[in-house]
């Protein structure tokens, strides 16, 4: 599995993604997010990319059903990792095409990311 939930603080879901992310990982992560959303919370997601190698190839990543159904339920997303992934992460999560605030922080900036996600 490429991802793991490291902790949940109120409505902040702390996630680590490493290696190649698979479609099943994304679906599991969406399920965890829906559980918080179902409790009436605006979700905030803090993702740490560790030795991230991208997304599984050969699968259909084009399902935007979750984003359409729950996009407004996600207040913020912060990604912390190697900056070479910044543009691809922004494209993958649809920055600019949704109301969610989305930022990317370099690996050495975890404190800044945590401050931003909680503000």
C-alpha atoms as a PDB file:
ATOM      1  CA  UNK A   1       0.000   0.000   0.000  1.00  0.00           C
ATOM      2  CA  UNK A   2       1.376   3.386  -0.978  1.00  0.00           C
ATOM      3  CA  UNK A   3      -0.441   5.427   1.629  1.00  0.00           C
ATOM      4  CA  UNK A   4      -1.037   5.395   5.345  1.00  0.00           C
ATOM      5  CA  UNK A   5      -3.104   7.579   7.632  1.00  0.00           C
ATOM      6  CA  UNK A   6      -0.699   8.647  10.350  1.00  0.00           C
ATOM      7  CA  UNK A   7      -3.246  10.491  12.490  1.00  0.00           C
ATOM      8  CA  UNK A   8      -6.498  12.396  12.509  1.00  0.00           C
ATOM      9  CA  UNK A   9      -6.680  15.687  14.437  1.00  0.00           C
ATOM     10  CA  UNK A  10     -10.270  16.869  14.540  1.00  0.00           C
ATOM     11  CA  UNK A  11     -10.951  17.253  10.797  1.00  0.00           C
ATOM     12  CA  UNK A  12      -7.292  17.173   9.663  1.00  0.00           C
ATOM     13  CA  UNK A  13      -6.376  13.906   8.018  1.00  0.00           C
ATOM     14  CA  UNK A  14      -2.581  13.364   8.112  1.00  0.00           C
ATOM     15  CA  UNK A  15      -1.467  11.031   5.326  1.00  0.00           C
ATOM     16  CA  UNK A  16       1.863   9.699   4.093  1.00  0.00           C
ATOM     17  CA  UNK A  17       2.188   8.517   0.501  1.00  0.00           C
ATOM     18  CA  UNK A  18       5.271   6.645  -0.656  1.00  0.00           C
ATOM     19  CA  UNK A  19       6.217   4.636  -3.707  1.00  0.00           C
ATOM     20  CA  UNK A  20       3.612   4.332  -6.439  1.00  0.00           C
ATOM     21  CA  UNK A  21       0.079   5.355  -5.515  1.00  0.00           C
ATOM     22  CA  UNK A  22      -2.537   2.899  -6.731  1.00  0.00           C
ATOM     23  CA  UNK A  23      -6.162   3.552  -7.567  1.00  0.00           C
ATOM     24  CA  UNK A  24      -7.188   1.340  -4.631  1.00  0.00           C
ATOM     25  CA  UNK A  25      -5.120   3.587  -2.316  1.00  0.00           C
ATOM     26  CA  UNK A  26      -6.996   6.640  -3.542  1.00  0.00           C
ATOM     27  CA  UNK A  27     -10.343   4.920  -3.074  1.00  0.00           C
ATOM     28  CA  UNK A  28      -9.444   3.934   0.496  1.00  0.00           C
ATOM     29  CA  UNK A  29      -8.300   7.470   1.237  1.00  0.00           C
ATOM     30  CA  UNK A  30     -11.559   8.855  -0.153  1.00  0.00           C
ATOM     31  CA  UNK A  31     -13.502   6.471   2.097  1.00  0.00           C
ATOM     32  CA  UNK A  32     -11.617   7.748   5.157  1.00  0.00           C
ATOM     33  CA  UNK A  33     -12.357  11.319   4.087  1.00  0.00           C
ATOM     34  CA  UNK A  34     -16.051  10.564   3.604  1.00  0.00           C
ATOM     35  CA  UNK A  35     -16.238   9.231   7.165  1.00  0.00           C
ATOM     36  CA  UNK A  36     -15.086  12.614   8.504  1.00  0.00           C
ATOM     37  CA  UNK A  37     -17.337  14.492   6.102  1.00  0.00           C
ATOM     38  CA  UNK A  38     -20.300  12.362   7.241  1.00  0.00           C
ATOM     39  CA  UNK A  39     -19.661  13.664  10.775  1.00  0.00           C
ATOM     40  CA  UNK A  40     -20.358  17.169   9.478  1.00  0.00           C
ATOM     41  CA  UNK A  41     -16.764  18.349   9.307  1.00  0.00           C
ATOM     42  CA  UNK A  42     -14.977  20.337   6.615  1.00  0.00           C
ATOM     43  CA  UNK A  43     -12.054  18.075   5.797  1.00  0.00           C
ATOM     44  CA  UNK A  44      -8.444  19.277   5.746  1.00  0.00           C
ATOM     45  CA  UNK A  45      -5.829  16.979   4.254  1.00  0.00           C
ATOM     46  CA  UNK A  46      -2.085  17.117   5.016  1.00  0.00           C
ATOM     47  CA  UNK A  47      -0.159  14.768   2.720  1.00  0.00           C
ATOM     48  CA  UNK A  48       3.523  13.974   3.146  1.00  0.00           C
ATOM     49  CA  UNK A  49       5.174  12.505   0.046  1.00  0.00           C
ATOM     50  CA  UNK A  50       8.050  10.211   1.011  1.00  0.00           C
ATOM     51  CA  UNK A  51      10.040   8.606  -1.815  1.00  0.00           C
ATOM     52  CA  UNK A  52       6.968   9.221  -3.953  1.00  0.00           C
ATOM     53  CA  UNK A  53       7.209   7.676  -7.420  1.00  0.00           C
ATOM     54  CA  UNK A  54       3.953   8.827  -8.980  1.00  0.00           C
ATOM     55  CA  UNK A  55       0.699   7.148  -9.853  1.00  0.00           C
ATOM     56  CA  UNK A  56      -0.038   3.635 -11.040  1.00  0.00           C
ATOM     57  CA  UNK A  57       0.037   3.486 -14.817  1.00  0.00           C
ATOM     58  CA  UNK A  58      -2.576   1.803 -16.976  1.00  0.00           C
ATOM     59  CA  UNK A  59      -5.603   2.591 -14.797  1.00  0.00           C
ATOM     60  CA  UNK A  60      -8.391   5.135 -15.266  1.00  0.00           C
ATOM     61  CA  UNK A  61      -7.692   8.052 -12.905  1.00  0.00           C
ATOM     62  CA  UNK A  62     -10.369  10.125 -14.652  1.00  0.00           C
ATOM     63  CA  UNK A  63     -13.245   9.430 -12.236  1.00  0.00           C
ATOM     64  CA  UNK A  64     -14.110  12.832 -10.801  1.00  0.00           C
ATOM     65  CA  UNK A  65     -17.212  11.597  -8.964  1.00  0.00           C
ATOM     66  CA  UNK A  66     -15.699  12.101  -5.510  1.00  0.00           C
ATOM     67  CA  UNK A  67     -14.569  15.631  -6.363  1.00  0.00           C
ATOM     68  CA  UNK A  68     -18.006  16.529  -7.731  1.00  0.00           C
ATOM     69  CA  UNK A  69     -19.864  15.010  -4.770  1.00  0.00           C
ATOM     70  CA  UNK A  70     -17.529  16.110  -1.962  1.00  0.00           C
ATOM     71  CA  UNK A  71     -15.210  18.791  -3.372  1.00  0.00           C
ATOM     72  CA  UNK A  72     -16.910  21.558  -1.386  1.00  0.00           C
ATOM     73  CA  UNK A  73     -16.555  19.464   1.786  1.00  0.00           C
ATOM     74  CA  UNK A  74     -12.754  19.692   1.602  1.00  0.00           C
ATOM     75  CA  UNK A  75     -11.521  23.036   2.927  1.00  0.00           C
ATOM     76  CA  UNK A  76      -7.777  22.651   2.391  1.00  0.00           C
ATOM     77  CA  UNK A  77      -5.156  20.284   1.047  1.00  0.00           C
ATOM     78  CA  UNK A  78      -1.448  20.652   1.793  1.00  0.00           C
ATOM     79  CA  UNK A  79       1.229  18.515   0.191  1.00  0.00           C
ATOM     80  CA  UNK A  80       4.775  18.285   1.537  1.00  0.00           C
ATOM     81  CA  UNK A  81       7.471  16.692  -0.569  1.00  0.00           C
ATOM     82  CA  UNK A  82      10.000  16.922  -3.359  1.00  0.00           C
ATOM     83  CA  UNK A  83       9.107  19.991  -5.421  1.00  0.00           C
ATOM     84  CA  UNK A  84       9.533  18.084  -8.683  1.00  0.00           C
ATOM     85  CA  UNK A  85       6.040  16.661  -8.006  1.00  0.00           C
ATOM     86  CA  UNK A  86       4.357  20.027  -7.378  1.00  0.00           C
ATOM     87  CA  UNK A  87       2.844  20.635 -10.833  1.00  0.00           C
ATOM     88  CA  UNK A  88       1.749  17.014 -11.247  1.00  0.00           C
ATOM     89  CA  UNK A  89       0.114  16.976  -7.799  1.00  0.00           C
ATOM     90  CA  UNK A  90      -1.725  20.220  -8.577  1.00  0.00           C
ATOM     91  CA  UNK A  91      -2.985  18.742 -11.859  1.00  0.00           C
ATOM     92  CA  UNK A  92      -3.977  15.472 -10.170  1.00  0.00           C
ATOM     93  CA  UNK A  93      -6.054  17.162  -7.438  1.00  0.00           C
ATOM     94  CA  UNK A  94      -7.538  19.766  -9.771  1.00  0.00           C
ATOM     95  CA  UNK A  95      -6.093  22.934  -8.265  1.00  0.00           C
ATOM     96  CA  UNK A  96      -7.849  25.860  -9.891  1.00  0.00           C
ATOM     97  CA  UNK A  97     -10.880  23.749 -10.810  1.00  0.00           C
ATOM     98  CA  UNK A  98     -12.333  23.471  -7.307  1.00  0.00           C
ATOM     99  CA  UNK A  99     -13.010  25.697  -4.314  1.00  0.00           C
ATOM    100  CA  UNK A 100     -10.565  23.816  -2.075  1.00  0.00           C
ATOM    101  CA  UNK A 101      -7.434  25.746  -1.072  1.00  0.00           C
ATOM    102  CA  UNK A 102      -4.440  23.673  -2.204  1.00  0.00           C
ATOM    103  CA  UNK A 103      -0.754  24.363  -1.473  1.00  0.00           C
ATOM    104  CA  UNK A 104       2.547  22.536  -1.892  1.00  0.00           C
ATOM    105  CA  UNK A 105       5.437  22.845   0.559  1.00  0.00           C
ATOM    106  CA  UNK A 106       9.041  21.657   0.145  1.00  0.00           C
ATOM    107  CA  UNK A 107      10.090  18.654   2.236  1.00  0.00           C
ATOM    108  CA  UNK A 108      11.868  20.841   4.806  1.00  0.00           C
ATOM    109  CA  UNK A 109       8.736  22.942   5.416  1.00  0.00           C
ATOM    110  CA  UNK A 110       6.492  20.612   7.440  1.00  0.00           C
ATOM    111  CA  UNK A 111       6.028  23.224  10.190  1.00  0.00           C
ATOM    112  CA  UNK A 112       4.816  25.783   7.651  1.00  0.00           C
ATOM    113  CA  UNK A 113       2.457  23.233   6.114  1.00  0.00           C
ATOM    114  CA  UNK A 114       0.998  22.328   9.506  1.00  0.00           C
ATOM    115  CA  UNK A 115       0.491  26.004  10.378  1.00  0.00           C
ATOM    116  CA  UNK A 116      -1.208  26.634   7.030  1.00  0.00           C
ATOM    117  CA  UNK A 117      -3.516  23.590   7.211  1.00  0.00           C
ATOM    118  CA  UNK A 118      -4.689  24.540  10.722  1.00  0.00           C
ATOM    119  CA  UNK A 119      -5.220  28.262   9.958  1.00  0.00           C
END
